[in-house]
PDB file of N, CA and C in Angstrom:
ATOM      1  N   MET A   1     -10.915  13.927   5.169  1.00  0.00           N
ATOM      2  CA  MET A   1     -10.179  13.788   3.931  1.00  0.00           C
ATOM      3  C   MET A   1      -9.022  12.794   4.096  1.00  0.00           C
ATOM      4  N   ASP A   2      -8.527  12.633   5.321  1.00  0.00           N
ATOM      5  CA  ASP A   2      -7.453  11.672   5.563  1.00  0.00           C
ATOM      6  C   ASP A   2      -7.893  10.255   5.206  1.00  0.00           C
ATOM      7  N   LYS A   3      -9.154   9.929   5.522  1.00  0.00           N
ATOM      8  CA  LYS A   3      -9.664   8.593   5.202  1.00  0.00           C
ATOM      9  C   LYS A   3      -9.700   8.365   3.694  1.00  0.00           C
ATOM     10  N   VAL A   4      -9.983   9.406   2.947  1.00  0.00           N
ATOM     11  CA  VAL A   4     -10.026   9.284   1.480  1.00  0.00           C
ATOM     12  C   VAL A   4      -8.628   8.994   0.951  1.00  0.00           C
ATOM     13  N   PHE A   5      -7.646   9.757   1.409  1.00  0.00           N
ATOM     14  CA  PHE A   5      -6.272   9.526   0.956  1.00  0.00           C
ATOM     15  C   PHE A   5      -5.790   8.133   1.352  1.00  0.00           C
ATOM     16  N   LYS A   6      -6.125   7.706   2.568  1.00  0.00           N
ATOM     17  CA  LYS A   6      -5.728   6.369   3.014  1.00  0.00           C
ATOM     18  C   LYS A   6      -6.385   5.302   2.147  1.00  0.00           C
ATOM     19  N   ALA A   7      -7.657   5.491   1.836  1.00  0.00           N
ATOM     20  CA  ALA A   7      -8.368   4.519   0.993  1.00  0.00           C
ATOM     21  C   ALA A   7      -7.763   4.466  -0.411  1.00  0.00           C
ATOM     22  N   LEU A   8      -7.383   5.605  -0.942  1.00  0.00           N
ATOM     23  CA  LEU A   8      -6.822   5.655  -2.295  1.00  0.00           C
ATOM     24  C   LEU A   8      -5.381   5.153  -2.369  1.00  0.00           C
ATOM     25  N   ALA A   9      -4.734   5.007  -1.217  1.00  0.00           N
ATOM     26  CA  ALA A   9      -3.338   4.591  -1.195  1.00  0.00           C
ATOM     27  C   ALA A   9      -3.152   3.131  -1.606  1.00  0.00           C
ATOM     28  N   ASP A  10      -4.213   2.335  -1.504  1.00  0.00           N
ATOM     29  CA  ASP A  10      -4.095   0.907  -1.800  1.00  0.00           C
ATOM     30  C   ASP A  10      -4.520   0.604  -3.238  1.00  0.00           C
ATOM     31  N   PRO A  11      -3.684  -0.103  -4.000  1.00  0.00           N
ATOM     32  CA  PRO A  11      -4.043  -0.410  -5.394  1.00  0.00           C
ATOM     33  C   PRO A  11      -5.282  -1.299  -5.525  1.00  0.00           C
ATOM     34  N   GLY A  12      -5.527  -2.167  -4.579  1.00  0.00           N
ATOM     35  CA  GLY A  12      -6.723  -3.009  -4.627  1.00  0.00           C
ATOM     36  C   GLY A  12      -7.999  -2.190  -4.487  1.00  0.00           C
ATOM     37  N   ARG A  13      -7.964  -1.208  -3.603  1.00  0.00           N
ATOM     38  CA  ARG A  13      -9.138  -0.340  -3.436  1.00  0.00           C
ATOM     39  C   ARG A  13      -9.330   0.542  -4.662  1.00  0.00           C
ATOM     40  N   ARG A  14      -8.235   0.990  -5.256  1.00  0.00           N
ATOM     41  CA  ARG A  14      -8.367   1.780  -6.491  1.00  0.00           C
ATOM     42  C   ARG A  14      -8.960   0.930  -7.607  1.00  0.00           C
ATOM     43  N   ARG A  15      -8.587  -0.352  -7.669  1.00  0.00           N
ATOM     44  CA  ARG A  15      -9.169  -1.254  -8.676  1.00  0.00           C
ATOM     45  C   ARG A  15     -10.665  -1.438  -8.434  1.00  0.00           C
ATOM     46  N   LEU A  16     -11.066  -1.540  -7.174  1.00  0.00           N
ATOM     47  CA  LEU A  16     -12.494  -1.635  -6.859  1.00  0.00           C
ATOM     48  C   LEU A  16     -13.241  -0.380  -7.313  1.00  0.00           C
ATOM     49  N   LEU A  17     -12.663   0.778  -7.073  1.00  0.00           N
ATOM     50  CA  LEU A  17     -13.285   2.020  -7.526  1.00  0.00           C
ATOM     51  C   LEU A  17     -13.372   2.067  -9.051  1.00  0.00           C
ATOM     52  N   ASP A  18     -12.312   1.621  -9.717  1.00  0.00           N
ATOM     53  CA  ASP A  18     -12.335   1.560 -11.183  1.00  0.00           C
ATOM     54  C   ASP A  18     -13.434   0.625 -11.667  1.00  0.00           C
ATOM     55  N   GLN A  19     -13.588  -0.491 -10.988  1.00  0.00           N
ATOM     56  CA  GLN A  19     -14.618  -1.463 -11.365  1.00  0.00           C
ATOM     57  C   GLN A  19     -16.008  -0.865 -11.179  1.00  0.00           C
ATOM     58  N   LEU A  20     -16.207  -0.139 -10.094  1.00  0.00           N
ATOM     59  CA  LEU A  20     -17.503   0.506  -9.869  1.00  0.00           C
ATOM     60  C   LEU A  20     -17.737   1.649 -10.857  1.00  0.00           C
ATOM     61  N   HIS A  21     -16.676   2.313 -11.244  1.00  0.00           N
ATOM     62  CA  HIS A  21     -16.816   3.368 -12.256  1.00  0.00           C
ATOM     63  C   HIS A  21     -17.254   2.769 -13.585  1.00  0.00           C
ATOM     64  N   GLN A  22     -16.714   1.617 -13.893  1.00  0.00           N
ATOM     65  CA  GLN A  22     -17.045   0.940 -15.149  1.00  0.00           C
ATOM     66  C   GLN A  22     -18.476   0.402 -15.128  1.00  0.00           C
ATOM     67  N   ASP A  23     -18.902  -0.149 -13.994  1.00  0.00           N
ATOM     68  CA  ASP A  23     -20.232  -0.750 -13.875  1.00  0.00           C
ATOM     69  C   ASP A  23     -20.734  -0.510 -12.453  1.00  0.00           C
ATOM     70  N   ASN A  24     -21.419   0.591 -12.251  1.00  0.00           N
ATOM     71  CA  ASN A  24     -21.845   1.001 -10.916  1.00  0.00           C
ATOM     72  C   ASN A  24     -22.995   0.132 -10.416  1.00  0.00           C
ATOM     73  N   GLY A  25     -23.072  -0.038  -9.101  1.00  0.00           N
ATOM     74  CA  GLY A  25     -24.164  -0.782  -8.498  1.00  0.00           C
ATOM     75  C   GLY A  25     -23.959  -2.284  -8.514  1.00  0.00           C
ATOM     76  N   GLN A  26     -22.780  -2.740  -8.142  1.00  0.00           N
ATOM     77  CA  GLN A  26     -22.462  -4.166  -8.167  1.00  0.00           C
ATOM     78  C   GLN A  26     -22.589  -4.792  -6.775  1.00  0.00           C
ATOM     79  N   THR A  27     -22.899  -6.070  -6.772  1.00  0.00           N
ATOM     80  CA  THR A  27     -22.923  -6.846  -5.531  1.00  0.00           C
ATOM     81  C   THR A  27     -21.493  -7.243  -5.176  1.00  0.00           C
ATOM     82  N   LEU A  28     -21.327  -7.722  -3.966  1.00  0.00           N
ATOM     83  CA  LEU A  28     -20.022  -8.220  -3.530  1.00  0.00           C
ATOM     84  C   LEU A  28     -19.567  -9.371  -4.421  1.00  0.00           C
ATOM     85  N   THR A  29     -20.482 -10.263  -4.751  1.00  0.00           N
ATOM     86  CA  THR A  29     -20.146 -11.408  -5.596  1.00  0.00           C
ATOM     87  C   THR A  29     -19.634 -10.945  -6.959  1.00  0.00           C
ATOM     88  N   ALA A  30     -20.305  -9.970  -7.544  1.00  0.00           N
ATOM     89  CA  ALA A  30     -19.879  -9.452  -8.851  1.00  0.00           C
ATOM     90  C   ALA A  30     -18.500  -8.797  -8.756  1.00  0.00           C
ATOM     91  N   LEU A  31     -18.273  -8.033  -7.706  1.00  0.00           N
ATOM     92  CA  LEU A  31     -16.978  -7.381  -7.535  1.00  0.00           C
ATOM     93  C   LEU A  31     -15.865  -8.407  -7.326  1.00  0.00           C
ATOM     94  N   CYS A  32     -16.157  -9.448  -6.566  1.00  0.00           N
ATOM     95  CA  CYS A  32     -15.156 -10.498  -6.324  1.00  0.00           C
ATOM     96  C   CYS A  32     -14.753 -11.184  -7.629  1.00  0.00           C
ATOM     97  N   GLY A  33     -15.682 -11.284  -8.566  1.00  0.00           N
ATOM     98  CA  GLY A  33     -15.387 -11.915  -9.841  1.00  0.00           C
ATOM     99  C   GLY A  33     -14.348 -11.173 -10.664  1.00  0.00           C
ATOM    100  N   HIS A  34     -14.163  -9.892 -10.362  1.00  0.00           N
ATOM    101  CA  HIS A  34     -13.191  -9.076 -11.112  1.00  0.00           C
ATOM    102  C   HIS A  34     -11.881  -8.881 -10.360  1.00  0.00           C
ATOM    103  N   MET A  35     -11.815  -9.394  -9.139  1.00  0.00           N
ATOM    104  CA  MET A  35     -10.642  -9.153  -8.308  1.00  0.00           C
ATOM    105  C   MET A  35      -9.882 -10.458  -8.076  1.00  0.00           C
ATOM    106  N   ASP A  36      -8.590 -10.347  -7.939  1.00  0.00           N
ATOM    107  CA  ASP A  36      -7.757 -11.526  -7.666  1.00  0.00           C
ATOM    108  C   ASP A  36      -7.411 -11.583  -6.179  1.00  0.00           C
ATOM    109  N   MET A  37      -8.463 -11.533  -5.350  1.00  0.00           N
ATOM    110  CA  MET A  37      -8.292 -11.626  -3.905  1.00  0.00           C
ATOM    111  C   MET A  37      -9.503 -12.334  -3.320  1.00  0.00           C
ATOM    112  N   THR A  38      -9.386 -12.715  -2.078  1.00  0.00           N
ATOM    113  CA  THR A  38     -10.475 -13.457  -1.435  1.00  0.00           C
ATOM    114  C   THR A  38     -11.680 -12.550  -1.210  1.00  0.00           C
ATOM    115  N   ARG A  39     -12.823 -13.190  -1.004  1.00  0.00           N
ATOM    116  CA  ARG A  39     -14.060 -12.455  -0.714  1.00  0.00           C
ATOM    117  C   ARG A  39     -13.895 -11.615   0.554  1.00  0.00           C
ATOM    118  N   GLN A  40     -13.229 -12.181   1.555  1.00  0.00           N
ATOM    119  CA  GLN A  40     -13.003 -11.460   2.804  1.00  0.00           C
ATOM    120  C   GLN A  40     -12.148 -10.214   2.572  1.00  0.00           C
ATOM    121  N   ALA A  41     -11.128 -10.321   1.734  1.00  0.00           N
ATOM    122  CA  ALA A  41     -10.267  -9.163   1.438  1.00  0.00           C
ATOM    123  C   ALA A  41     -11.060  -8.077   0.705  1.00  0.00           C
ATOM    124  N   VAL A  42     -11.881  -8.481  -0.250  1.00  0.00           N
ATOM    125  CA  VAL A  42     -12.712  -7.507  -0.971  1.00  0.00           C
ATOM    126  C   VAL A  42     -13.661  -6.820   0.003  1.00  0.00           C
ATOM    127  N   THR A  43     -14.255  -7.592   0.922  1.00  0.00           N
ATOM    128  CA  THR A  43     -15.155  -7.031   1.921  1.00  0.00           C
ATOM    129  C   THR A  43     -14.439  -6.003   2.786  1.00  0.00           C
ATOM    130  N   GLN A  44     -13.229  -6.300   3.206  1.00  0.00           N
ATOM    131  CA  GLN A  44     -12.467  -5.371   4.038  1.00  0.00           C
ATOM    132  C   GLN A  44     -12.130  -4.095   3.269  1.00  0.00           C
ATOM    133  N   HIS A  45     -11.763  -4.243   2.004  1.00  0.00           N
ATOM    134  CA  HIS A  45     -11.469  -3.061   1.187  1.00  0.00           C
ATOM    135  C   HIS A  45     -12.728  -2.211   1.000  1.00  0.00           C
ATOM    136  N   LEU A  46     -13.857  -2.855   0.760  1.00  0.00           N
ATOM    137  CA  LEU A  46     -15.112  -2.120   0.597  1.00  0.00           C
ATOM    138  C   LEU A  46     -15.492  -1.385   1.881  1.00  0.00           C
ATOM    139  N   GLN A  47     -15.211  -1.982   3.030  1.00  0.00           N
ATOM    140  CA  GLN A  47     -15.503  -1.320   4.303  1.00  0.00           C
ATOM    141  C   GLN A  47     -14.679  -0.041   4.454  1.00  0.00           C
ATOM    142  N   GLN A  48     -13.421  -0.096   4.038  1.00  0.00           N
ATOM    143  CA  GLN A  48     -12.588   1.106   4.118  1.00  0.00           C
ATOM    144  C   GLN A  48     -13.065   2.163   3.125  1.00  0.00           C
ATOM    145  N   LEU A  49     -13.499   1.725   1.950  1.00  0.00           N
ATOM    146  CA  LEU A  49     -14.033   2.671   0.972  1.00  0.00           C
ATOM    147  C   LEU A  49     -15.336   3.299   1.474  1.00  0.00           C
ATOM    148  N   GLU A  50     -16.143   2.509   2.156  1.00  0.00           N
ATOM    149  CA  GLU A  50     -17.378   3.035   2.759  1.00  0.00           C
ATOM    150  C   GLU A  50     -17.040   4.046   3.854  1.00  0.00           C
ATOM    151  N   ALA A  51     -16.071   3.720   4.698  1.00  0.00           N
ATOM    152  CA  ALA A  51     -15.671   4.618   5.782  1.00  0.00           C
ATOM    153  C   ALA A  51     -15.155   5.955   5.246  1.00  0.00           C
ATOM    154  N   ALA A  52     -14.544   5.915   4.071  1.00  0.00           N
ATOM    155  CA  ALA A  52     -14.038   7.133   3.438  1.00  0.00           C
ATOM    156  C   ALA A  52     -15.118   7.823   2.603  1.00  0.00           C
ATOM    157  N   ASN A  53     -16.317   7.268   2.586  1.00  0.00           N
ATOM    158  CA  ASN A  53     -17.452   7.798   1.834  1.00  0.00           C
ATOM    159  C   ASN A  53     -17.226   7.753   0.318  1.00  0.00           C
ATOM    160  N   LEU A  54     -16.354   6.861  -0.123  1.00  0.00           N
ATOM    161  CA  LEU A  54     -16.115   6.691  -1.560  1.00  0.00           C
ATOM    162  C   LEU A  54     -17.067   5.686  -2.183  1.00  0.00           C
ATOM    163  N   VAL A  55     -17.695   4.872  -1.351  1.00  0.00           N
ATOM    164  CA  VAL A  55     -18.666   3.880  -1.810  1.00  0.00           C
ATOM    165  C   VAL A  55     -19.924   4.024  -0.966  1.00  0.00           C
ATOM    166  N   ALA A  56     -21.051   4.043  -1.654  1.00  0.00           N
ATOM    167  CA  ALA A  56     -22.352   4.092  -0.976  1.00  0.00           C
ATOM    168  C   ALA A  56     -23.045   2.752  -1.162  1.00  0.00           C
ATOM    169  N   ILE A  57     -23.809   2.362  -0.166  1.00  0.00           N
ATOM    170  CA  ILE A  57     -24.505   1.074  -0.166  1.00  0.00           C
ATOM    171  C   ILE A  57     -26.006   1.313  -0.328  1.00  0.00           C
ATOM    172  N   VAL A  58     -26.619   0.515  -1.189  1.00  0.00           N
ATOM    173  CA  VAL A  58     -28.072   0.536  -1.358  1.00  0.00           C
ATOM    174  C   VAL A  58     -28.550  -0.910  -1.303  1.00  0.00           C
ATOM    175  N   TRP A  59     -29.507  -1.160  -0.431  1.00  0.00           N
ATOM    176  CA  TRP A  59     -30.082  -2.495  -0.333  1.00  0.00           C
ATOM    177  C   TRP A  59     -31.257  -2.593  -1.294  1.00  0.00           C
ATOM    178  N   GLN A  60     -31.252  -3.639  -2.126  1.00  0.00           N
ATOM    179  CA  GLN A  60     -32.382  -3.960  -2.994  1.00  0.00           C
ATOM    180  C   GLN A  60     -32.836  -5.355  -2.615  1.00  0.00           C
ATOM    181  N   GLY A  61     -33.857  -5.404  -1.790  1.00  0.00           N
ATOM    182  CA  GLY A  61     -34.275  -6.702  -1.267  1.00  0.00           C
ATOM    183  C   GLY A  61     -33.175  -7.268  -0.400  1.00  0.00           C
ATOM    184  N   ARG A  62     -32.690  -8.453  -0.769  1.00  0.00           N
ATOM    185  CA  ARG A  62     -31.607  -9.094  -0.016  1.00  0.00           C
ATOM    186  C   ARG A  62     -30.235  -8.788  -0.587  1.00  0.00           C
ATOM    187  N   GLU A  63     -30.186  -8.053  -1.690  1.00  0.00           N
ATOM    188  CA  GLU A  63     -28.899  -7.724  -2.316  1.00  0.00           C
ATOM    189  C   GLU A  63     -28.368  -6.385  -1.814  1.00  0.00           C
ATOM    190  N   LYS A  64     -27.093  -6.373  -1.549  1.00  0.00           N
ATOM    191  CA  LYS A  64     -26.396  -5.155  -1.129  1.00  0.00           C
ATOM    192  C   LYS A  64     -25.609  -4.662  -2.342  1.00  0.00           C
ATOM    193  N   LEU A  65     -26.009  -3.521  -2.895  1.00  0.00           N
ATOM    194  CA  LEU A  65     -25.347  -2.972  -4.074  1.00  0.00           C
ATOM    195  C   LEU A  65     -24.375  -1.871  -3.669  1.00  0.00           C
ATOM    196  N   HIS A  66     -23.229  -1.864  -4.314  1.00  0.00           N
ATOM    197  CA  HIS A  66     -22.177  -0.890  -4.025  1.00  0.00           C
ATOM    198  C   HIS A  66     -22.114   0.115  -5.173  1.00  0.00           C
ATOM    199  N   TYR A  67     -22.132   1.387  -4.810  1.00  0.00           N
ATOM    200  CA  TYR A  67     -22.092   2.465  -5.787  1.00  0.00           C
ATOM    201  C   TYR A  67     -20.917   3.392  -5.499  1.00  0.00           C
ATOM    202  N   LEU A  68     -20.286   3.845  -6.549  1.00  0.00           N
ATOM    203  CA  LEU A  68     -19.204   4.812  -6.434  1.00  0.00           C
ATOM    204  C   LEU A  68     -19.789   6.163  -6.040  1.00  0.00           C
ATOM    205  N   ASN A  69     -19.184   6.807  -5.055  1.00  0.00           N
ATOM    206  CA  ASN A  69     -19.567   8.160  -4.658  1.00  0.00           C
ATOM    207  C   ASN A  69     -18.421   9.084  -5.070  1.00  0.00           C
ATOM    208  N   PRO A  70     -18.578   9.857  -6.141  1.00  0.00           N
ATOM    209  CA  PRO A  70     -17.477  10.680  -6.635  1.00  0.00           C
ATOM    210  C   PRO A  70     -17.262  11.987  -5.870  1.00  0.00           C
ATOM    211  N   VAL A  71     -18.129  12.312  -4.924  1.00  0.00           N
ATOM    212  CA  VAL A  71     -18.035  13.603  -4.233  1.00  0.00           C
ATOM    213  C   VAL A  71     -16.690  13.796  -3.523  1.00  0.00           C
ATOM    214  N   PRO A  72     -16.208  12.837  -2.725  1.00  0.00           N
ATOM    215  CA  PRO A  72     -14.906  13.055  -2.073  1.00  0.00           C
ATOM    216  C   PRO A  72     -13.758  13.242  -3.078  1.00  0.00           C
ATOM    217  N   LEU A  73     -13.833  12.553  -4.213  1.00  0.00           N
ATOM    218  CA  LEU A  73     -12.789  12.716  -5.235  1.00  0.00           C
ATOM    219  C   LEU A  73     -12.854  14.114  -5.840  1.00  0.00           C
ATOM    220  N   HIS A  74     -14.061  14.620  -6.039  1.00  0.00           N
ATOM    221  CA  HIS A  74     -14.230  15.981  -6.551  1.00  0.00           C
ATOM    222  C   HIS A  74     -13.675  17.000  -5.556  1.00  0.00           C
ATOM    223  N   GLU A  75     -13.937  16.771  -4.270  1.00  0.00           N
ATOM    224  CA  GLU A  75     -13.427  17.686  -3.249  1.00  0.00           C
ATOM    225  C   GLU A  75     -11.903  17.704  -3.231  1.00  0.00           C
ATOM    226  N   ILE A  76     -11.295  16.538  -3.401  1.00  0.00           N
ATOM    227  CA  ILE A  76      -9.833  16.482  -3.474  1.00  0.00           C
ATOM    228  C   ILE A  76      -9.343  17.236  -4.695  1.00  0.00           C
ATOM    229  N   SER A  77     -10.015  17.032  -5.803  1.00  0.00           N
ATOM    230  CA  SER A  77      -9.648  17.732  -7.026  1.00  0.00           C
ATOM    231  C   SER A  77      -9.716  19.242  -6.835  1.00  0.00           C
ATOM    232  N   GLN A  78     -10.795  19.711  -6.241  1.00  0.00           N
ATOM    233  CA  GLN A  78     -10.959  21.148  -6.019  1.00  0.00           C
ATOM    234  C   GLN A  78      -9.914  21.708  -5.053  1.00  0.00           C
ATOM    235  N   ARG A  79      -9.692  20.976  -3.971  1.00  0.00           N
ATOM    236  CA  ARG A  79      -8.799  21.506  -2.935  1.00  0.00           C
ATOM    237  C   ARG A  79      -7.323  21.331  -3.263  1.00  0.00           C
ATOM    238  N   TRP A  80      -6.950  20.166  -3.765  1.00  0.00           N
ATOM    239  CA  TRP A  80      -5.529  19.865  -3.896  1.00  0.00           C
ATOM    240  C   TRP A  80      -4.997  19.966  -5.312  1.00  0.00           C
ATOM    241  N   ILE A  81      -5.833  19.783  -6.298  1.00  0.00           N
ATOM    242  CA  ILE A  81      -5.354  19.835  -7.677  1.00  0.00           C
ATOM    243  C   ILE A  81      -5.737  21.158  -8.318  1.00  0.00           C
ATOM    244  N   GLY A  82      -6.984  21.552  -8.133  1.00  0.00           N
ATOM    245  CA  GLY A  82      -7.488  22.765  -8.758  1.00  0.00           C
ATOM    246  C   GLY A  82      -6.692  24.009  -8.417  1.00  0.00           C
ATOM    247  N   LYS A  83      -6.308  24.154  -7.162  1.00  0.00           N
ATOM    248  CA  LYS A  83      -5.600  25.384  -6.776  1.00  0.00           C
ATOM    249  C   LYS A  83      -4.228  25.486  -7.434  1.00  0.00           C
ATOM    250  N   PHE A  84      -3.627  24.355  -7.755  1.00  0.00           N
ATOM    251  CA  PHE A  84      -2.333  24.390  -8.432  1.00  0.00           C
ATOM    252  C   PHE A  84      -2.504  24.635  -9.931  1.00  0.00           C
ATOM    253  N   GLU A  85      -3.601  24.189 -10.483  1.00  0.00           N
ATOM    254  CA  GLU A  85      -3.868  24.349 -11.907  1.00  0.00           C
ATOM    255  C   GLU A  85      -4.306  25.770 -12.252  1.00  0.00           C
ATOM    256  N   ARG A  86      -5.052  26.433 -11.355  1.00  0.00           N
ATOM    257  CA  ARG A  86      -5.581  27.771 -11.647  1.00  0.00           C
ATOM    258  C   ARG A  86      -4.484  28.736 -12.055  1.00  0.00           C
ATOM    259  N   ASN A  87      -3.403  28.782 -11.288  1.00  0.00           N
ATOM    260  CA  ASN A  87      -2.313  29.717 -11.603  1.00  0.00           C
ATOM    261  C   ASN A  87      -1.677  29.401 -12.947  1.00  0.00           C
ATOM    262  N   ARG A  88      -1.444  28.118 -13.173  1.00  0.00           N
ATOM    263  CA  ARG A  88      -0.809  27.725 -14.426  1.00  0.00           C
ATOM    264  C   ARG A  88      -1.710  28.039 -15.614  1.00  0.00           C
ATOM    265  N   LEU A  89      -3.002  27.787 -15.471  1.00  0.00           N
ATOM    266  CA  LEU A  89      -3.935  28.079 -16.556  1.00  0.00           C
ATOM    267  C   LEU A  89      -4.040  29.581 -16.788  1.00  0.00           C
ATOM    268  N   GLY A  90      -3.994  30.366 -15.724  1.00  0.00           N
ATOM    269  CA  GLY A  90      -4.010  31.820 -15.872  1.00  0.00           C
ATOM    270  C   GLY A  90      -2.788  32.317 -16.622  1.00  0.00           C
ATOM    271  N   VAL A  91      -1.626  31.772 -16.300  1.00  0.00           N
ATOM    272  CA  VAL A  91      -0.393  32.164 -16.982  1.00  0.00           C
ATOM    273  C   VAL A  91      -0.452  31.764 -18.459  1.00  0.00           C
ATOM    274  N   LEU A  92      -0.933  30.575 -18.744  1.00  0.00           N
ATOM    275  CA  LEU A  92      -1.054  30.140 -20.138  1.00  0.00           C
ATOM    276  C   LEU A  92      -2.039  31.007 -20.912  1.00  0.00           C
ATOM    277  N   HIS A  93      -3.134  31.393 -20.271  1.00  0.00           N
ATOM    278  CA  HIS A  93      -4.115  32.267 -20.919  1.00  0.00           C
ATOM    279  C   HIS A  93      -3.484  33.622 -21.248  1.00  0.00           C
ATOM    280  N   ASP A  94      -2.763  34.194 -20.273  1.00  0.00           N
ATOM    281  CA  ASP A  94      -2.094  35.483 -20.497  1.00  0.00           C
ATOM    282  C   ASP A  94      -1.058  35.378 -21.607  1.00  0.00           C
ATOM    283  N   LEU A  95      -0.281  34.286 -21.622  1.00  0.00           N
ATOM    284  CA  LEU A  95       0.724  34.090 -22.667  1.00  0.00           C
ATOM    285  C   LEU A  95       0.062  33.972 -24.035  1.00  0.00           C
ATOM    286  N   LYS A  96      -1.020  33.255 -24.111  1.00  0.00           N
ATOM    287  CA  LYS A  96      -1.750  33.098 -25.374  1.00  0.00           C
ATOM    288  C   LYS A  96      -2.205  34.459 -25.894  1.00  0.00           C
ATOM    289  N   LYS A  97      -2.792  35.262 -25.019  1.00  0.00           N
ATOM    290  CA  LYS A  97      -3.265  36.590 -25.424  1.00  0.00           C
ATOM    291  C   LYS A  97      -2.107  37.474 -25.868  1.00  0.00           C
ATOM    292  N   LYS A  98      -0.995  37.385 -25.157  1.00  0.00           N
ATOM    293  CA  LYS A  98       0.168  38.200 -25.514  1.00  0.00           C
ATOM    294  C   LYS A  98       0.713  37.781 -26.878  1.00  0.00           C
ATOM    295  N   LEU A  99       0.820  36.483 -27.094  1.00  0.00           N
ATOM    296  CA  LEU A  99       1.326  35.986 -28.378  1.00  0.00           C
ATOM    297  C   LEU A  99       0.384  36.310 -29.528  1.00  0.00           C
ATOM    298  N   GLU A 100      -0.900  36.378 -29.234  1.00  0.00           N
ATOM    299  CA  GLU A 100      -1.879  36.730 -30.259  1.00  0.00           C
ATOM    300  C   GLU A 100      -1.959  38.241 -30.472  1.00  0.00           C
ATOM    301  N   GLY A 101      -1.241  39.016 -29.638  1.00  0.00           N
ATOM    302  CA  GLY A 101      -1.231  40.453 -29.791  1.00  0.00           C
ATOM    303  C   GLY A 101      -2.425  41.156 -29.172  1.00  0.00           C
ATOM    304  N   ASP A 102      -3.074  40.520 -28.245  1.00  0.00           N
ATOM    305  CA  ASP A 102      -4.257  41.102 -27.606  1.00  0.00           C
ATOM    306  C   ASP A 102      -3.982  41.266 -26.107  1.00  0.00           C
ATOM    307  N   GLU A 103      -3.003  42.143 -25.798  1.00  0.00           N
ATOM    308  CA  GLU A 103      -2.587  42.328 -24.400  1.00  0.00           C
ATOM    309  C   GLU A 103      -3.636  43.046 -23.567  1.00  0.00           C
ATOM    310  N   ASN A 104      -4.555  43.779 -24.197  1.00  0.00           N
ATOM    311  CA  ASN A 104      -5.562  44.529 -23.438  1.00  0.00           C
ATOM    312  C   ASN A 104      -6.690  43.642 -22.941  1.00  0.00           C
ATOM    313  N   ASP A 105      -6.834  42.447 -23.482  1.00  0.00           N
ATOM    314  CA  ASP A 105      -7.909  41.533 -23.068  1.00  0.00           C
ATOM    315  C   ASP A 105      -7.485  40.787 -21.821  1.00  0.00           C
ATOM    316  N   LYS A 106      -8.148  41.030 -20.720  1.00  0.00           N
ATOM    317  CA  LYS A 106      -7.812  40.382 -19.447  1.00  0.00           C
ATOM    318  C   LYS A 106      -8.862  39.354 -19.040  1.00  0.00           C
ATOM    319  N   THR A 107      -9.634  38.789 -19.972  1.00  0.00           N
ATOM    320  CA  THR A 107     -10.663  37.814 -19.643  1.00  0.00           C
ATOM    321  C   THR A 107     -10.118  36.453 -19.478  1.00  0.00           C
TER     322      THR A 107
END
């Protein structure tokens, strides 16, 4: 998970992920067309995203296509965001029921 956080720390890598989210399965050339950095810099960022398992590679003939892998982001959401939201959502649900006058409903 450390590799995922490190990969997400860079705004250029986040832009690459956004670009893949918008149009998944792009070549390096296509990705470079949307970025204001050199081809070598984009390649290095993609390597870090691959190492963090945020980008998956599929070869189609001679083309190397890059795909967004949302699984690590989902795991972060579940582990680091979800646990903080559960309590707050439970409290809001209880408050809603109390304000509606249905204190016996614990669903």
